[in-house]
N, C-alpha and C. Protein backbone atom coordinates (compact mmCIF):
# COMPACT_ATOMS: atom_id res chain seq x y z
N MET A 1 -1.41 4.19 -0.48
CA MET A 1 -1.40 2.86 -0.03
C MET A 1 -0.99 2.66 1.32
N LYS A 2 -1.48 1.77 1.97
CA LYS A 2 -1.11 1.39 3.49
C LYS A 2 -0.39 0.05 3.47
N ASN A 3 0.61 0.08 4.23
CA ASN A 3 1.39 -1.09 4.21
C ASN A 3 1.39 -1.92 5.64
N TYR A 4 1.40 -3.19 5.61
CA TYR A 4 1.41 -4.05 6.78
C TYR A 4 2.62 -5.00 6.57
N LYS A 5 3.23 -5.31 7.63
CA LYS A 5 4.31 -6.44 7.53
C LYS A 5 3.60 -7.66 8.01
N ILE A 6 3.61 -8.73 7.26
CA ILE A 6 3.07 -9.97 7.77
C ILE A 6 4.09 -11.06 7.66
N MET A 7 3.94 -12.15 8.31
CA MET A 7 4.78 -13.30 8.35
C MET A 7 4.03 -14.58 8.00
N LEU A 8 4.27 -15.29 7.11
CA LEU A 8 3.55 -16.46 6.63
C LEU A 8 4.68 -17.65 6.98
N LYS A 9 4.49 -18.15 8.11
CA LYS A 9 5.47 -19.20 8.60
C LYS A 9 5.10 -20.59 8.15
N THR A 10 3.87 -20.89 8.00
CA THR A 10 3.51 -22.26 7.66
C THR A 10 2.49 -22.41 6.51
N ILE A 11 2.22 -23.55 6.07
CA ILE A 11 1.31 -23.72 4.99
C ILE A 11 -0.19 -23.23 5.48
N ASP A 12 -0.43 -23.54 6.69
CA ASP A 12 -1.73 -23.03 7.27
C ASP A 12 -1.85 -21.58 7.26
N ASP A 13 -0.78 -20.90 7.54
CA ASP A 13 -0.79 -19.38 7.54
C ASP A 13 -1.06 -18.91 6.07
N ILE A 14 -0.46 -19.59 5.18
CA ILE A 14 -0.70 -19.14 3.73
C ILE A 14 -2.19 -19.41 3.36
N LYS A 15 -2.75 -20.66 3.89
CA LYS A 15 -4.16 -21.00 3.49
C LYS A 15 -5.12 -19.93 4.00
N VAL A 16 -4.80 -19.46 5.41
CA VAL A 16 -5.64 -18.46 6.04
C VAL A 16 -5.60 -17.21 5.42
N PHE A 17 -4.36 -16.85 5.03
CA PHE A 17 -4.14 -15.58 4.28
C PHE A 17 -4.83 -15.49 2.86
N ALA A 18 -4.62 -16.56 2.12
CA ALA A 18 -5.17 -16.64 0.73
C ALA A 18 -6.72 -16.76 0.69
N ALA A 19 -7.32 -17.46 1.65
CA ALA A 19 -8.80 -17.40 1.78
C ALA A 19 -9.35 -15.99 2.18
N ALA A 20 -8.68 -15.39 3.10
CA ALA A 20 -9.03 -13.96 3.44
C ALA A 20 -8.92 -13.06 2.31
N ALA A 21 -7.92 -13.08 1.51
CA ALA A 21 -7.64 -12.17 0.44
C ALA A 21 -8.48 -12.49 -0.62
N ALA A 22 -8.93 -13.84 -0.95
CA ALA A 22 -9.80 -14.07 -2.00
C ALA A 22 -11.19 -13.58 -1.79
N ALA A 23 -11.54 -13.45 -0.55
CA ALA A 23 -12.91 -12.92 -0.11
C ALA A 23 -12.97 -11.39 -0.11
N CYS A 24 -11.77 -10.67 -0.24
CA CYS A 24 -11.68 -9.39 -0.19
C CYS A 24 -11.85 -8.84 -1.61
N GLU A 25 -12.72 -7.76 -1.80
CA GLU A 25 -12.95 -7.12 -3.21
C GLU A 25 -11.84 -6.23 -3.58
N ASP A 26 -11.09 -5.70 -2.56
CA ASP A 26 -10.09 -4.62 -2.98
C ASP A 26 -8.78 -5.36 -3.59
N GLU A 27 -7.95 -4.56 -4.35
CA GLU A 27 -6.70 -5.19 -4.88
C GLU A 27 -5.71 -5.12 -3.67
N LEU A 28 -5.10 -6.21 -3.54
CA LEU A 28 -4.03 -6.31 -2.50
C LEU A 28 -2.84 -7.00 -3.05
N ASP A 29 -1.64 -6.25 -2.70
CA ASP A 29 -0.32 -6.72 -3.16
C ASP A 29 0.51 -7.13 -2.13
N LEU A 30 1.38 -8.13 -2.37
CA LEU A 30 2.44 -8.57 -1.44
C LEU A 30 3.78 -8.30 -2.13
N SER A 31 4.69 -7.81 -1.26
CA SER A 31 6.10 -7.68 -1.90
C SER A 31 7.10 -8.11 -0.94
N SER A 32 8.29 -8.57 -1.54
CA SER A 32 9.36 -8.92 -0.90
C SER A 32 10.54 -8.49 -1.72
N GLY A 33 11.40 -7.56 -1.13
CA GLY A 33 12.45 -6.99 -1.94
C GLY A 33 11.90 -6.18 -3.17
N ARG A 34 12.35 -6.62 -4.30
CA ARG A 34 11.76 -5.87 -5.61
C ARG A 34 10.75 -6.59 -6.21
N TYR A 35 10.17 -7.68 -5.63
CA TYR A 35 9.13 -8.47 -6.25
C TYR A 35 7.74 -8.15 -5.69
N VAL A 36 6.82 -7.91 -6.58
CA VAL A 36 5.49 -7.55 -6.05
C VAL A 36 4.54 -8.57 -6.78
N VAL A 37 3.60 -9.18 -6.01
CA VAL A 37 2.68 -10.10 -6.65
C VAL A 37 1.29 -9.83 -6.11
N ASP A 38 0.28 -10.25 -6.73
CA ASP A 38 -1.21 -10.20 -6.43
C ASP A 38 -1.32 -11.06 -5.13
N ALA A 39 -1.78 -10.44 -4.08
CA ALA A 39 -1.93 -11.26 -2.84
C ALA A 39 -2.99 -12.32 -2.88
N LYS A 40 -3.73 -12.29 -3.96
CA LYS A 40 -4.78 -13.35 -4.06
C LYS A 40 -4.37 -14.55 -4.89
N SER A 41 -3.04 -14.45 -5.32
CA SER A 41 -2.43 -15.52 -6.09
C SER A 41 -1.57 -16.53 -5.21
N ILE A 42 -2.01 -17.72 -4.92
CA ILE A 42 -1.19 -18.71 -4.15
C ILE A 42 0.17 -18.86 -4.88
N MET A 43 0.23 -18.96 -6.25
CA MET A 43 1.47 -19.22 -6.77
C MET A 43 2.43 -17.99 -6.54
N GLY A 44 1.70 -16.75 -6.65
CA GLY A 44 2.53 -15.57 -6.39
C GLY A 44 3.07 -15.50 -4.96
N ILE A 45 2.26 -15.88 -4.02
CA ILE A 45 2.79 -15.89 -2.59
C ILE A 45 4.03 -16.85 -2.46
N PHE A 46 3.81 -18.06 -3.09
CA PHE A 46 4.93 -18.97 -2.93
C PHE A 46 6.19 -18.57 -3.65
N SER A 47 6.20 -17.58 -4.55
CA SER A 47 7.31 -17.07 -5.30
C SER A 47 8.10 -16.09 -4.46
N LEU A 48 7.55 -15.67 -3.34
CA LEU A 48 8.23 -14.70 -2.50
C LEU A 48 9.19 -15.45 -1.55
N ASP A 49 10.00 -14.57 -1.01
CA ASP A 49 10.88 -15.20 0.08
C ASP A 49 10.16 -15.14 1.41
N LEU A 50 9.56 -16.26 1.91
CA LEU A 50 8.72 -16.36 3.06
C LEU A 50 9.50 -16.56 4.40
N SER A 51 10.90 -16.59 4.30
CA SER A 51 11.62 -16.82 5.43
C SER A 51 11.86 -15.53 6.28
N ARG A 52 11.20 -14.47 5.79
CA ARG A 52 11.20 -13.13 6.57
C ARG A 52 9.90 -12.48 6.31
N PRO A 53 9.54 -11.43 7.12
CA PRO A 53 8.33 -10.66 6.93
C PRO A 53 8.23 -10.25 5.41
N ILE A 54 6.90 -10.14 4.88
CA ILE A 54 6.75 -9.61 3.62
C ILE A 54 5.74 -8.45 3.88
N THR A 55 5.59 -7.52 2.76
CA THR A 55 4.76 -6.36 2.94
C THR A 55 3.43 -6.63 2.25
N LEU A 56 2.38 -6.34 2.90
CA LEU A 56 1.08 -6.31 2.41
C LEU A 56 0.66 -4.90 2.14
N SER A 57 0.31 -4.54 0.78
CA SER A 57 -0.14 -3.21 0.53
C SER A 57 -1.52 -3.20 0.14
N VAL A 58 -2.17 -2.21 0.83
CA VAL A 58 -3.71 -2.10 0.59
C VAL A 58 -3.98 -0.68 0.25
N PRO A 59 -5.06 -0.50 -0.77
CA PRO A 59 -5.33 0.90 -1.25
C PRO A 59 -5.73 1.81 -0.12
N ASP A 60 -5.52 3.13 -0.42
CA ASP A 60 -6.05 4.15 0.45
C ASP A 60 -7.53 4.06 0.50
N GLY A 61 -8.08 4.19 1.69
CA GLY A 61 -9.53 4.18 1.93
C GLY A 61 -10.06 2.78 2.04
N PHE A 62 -9.12 1.82 2.20
CA PHE A 62 -9.40 0.36 2.40
C PHE A 62 -10.16 0.19 3.65
N ASP A 63 -11.39 -0.46 3.62
CA ASP A 63 -12.17 -0.65 4.83
C ASP A 63 -12.30 -2.20 4.99
N GLY A 64 -11.14 -2.80 5.29
CA GLY A 64 -11.07 -4.15 5.33
C GLY A 64 -11.01 -4.73 6.78
N ARG A 65 -11.78 -4.19 7.63
CA ARG A 65 -11.81 -4.64 9.06
C ARG A 65 -11.93 -6.19 9.23
N GLU A 66 -12.81 -6.69 8.38
CA GLU A 66 -13.05 -8.07 8.40
C GLU A 66 -11.92 -8.93 7.90
N PHE A 67 -11.25 -8.44 6.92
CA PHE A 67 -10.07 -9.10 6.32
C PHE A 67 -8.95 -9.04 7.37
N LEU A 68 -8.70 -7.79 7.90
CA LEU A 68 -7.59 -7.61 8.89
C LEU A 68 -7.80 -8.48 10.10
N SER A 69 -9.03 -8.56 10.54
CA SER A 69 -9.32 -9.34 11.72
C SER A 69 -9.04 -10.92 11.40
N LYS A 70 -9.20 -11.43 10.22
CA LYS A 70 -8.95 -12.79 9.90
C LYS A 70 -7.50 -12.96 9.74
N ILE A 71 -6.71 -11.97 9.55
CA ILE A 71 -5.14 -12.20 9.39
C ILE A 71 -4.41 -11.60 10.51
N GLU A 72 -5.12 -11.06 11.52
CA GLU A 72 -4.40 -10.38 12.58
C GLU A 72 -3.22 -11.11 13.26
N LYS A 73 -3.42 -12.45 13.35
CA LYS A 73 -2.13 -13.19 13.96
C LYS A 73 -0.95 -13.26 12.99
N LEU A 74 -1.16 -12.85 11.79
CA LEU A 74 0.01 -12.88 10.82
C LEU A 74 0.64 -11.57 10.72
N ILE A 75 0.12 -10.49 11.23
CA ILE A 75 0.66 -9.14 11.20
C ILE A 75 1.79 -9.09 12.22
N VAL A 76 2.91 -8.67 11.68
CA VAL A 76 4.13 -8.45 12.59
C VAL A 76 4.19 -7.04 13.11
N THR A 77 4.26 -6.88 14.39
CA THR A 77 4.50 -5.61 14.98
C THR A 77 5.85 -5.27 15.22
N GLU A 78 6.33 -4.21 14.75
CA GLU A 78 7.83 -3.87 14.91
C GLU A 78 8.06 -3.00 16.07
């Protein structure tokens, strides 16, 4: 698995992320602390602590250049 830190600050950020994730065929997970949810689930996204960066996990071999380009402004560089 490869991980990215993302920050969903606004409802529009969540809409952009959810639309990009829904169009992706691969399984994607979001985690915050000990909670892990399906990244394609808006209800799951809202159940996480969005006040700080969350972790997006993608499978090994993930070729989601289009997906990552859609969410690039949400990726947090550390």
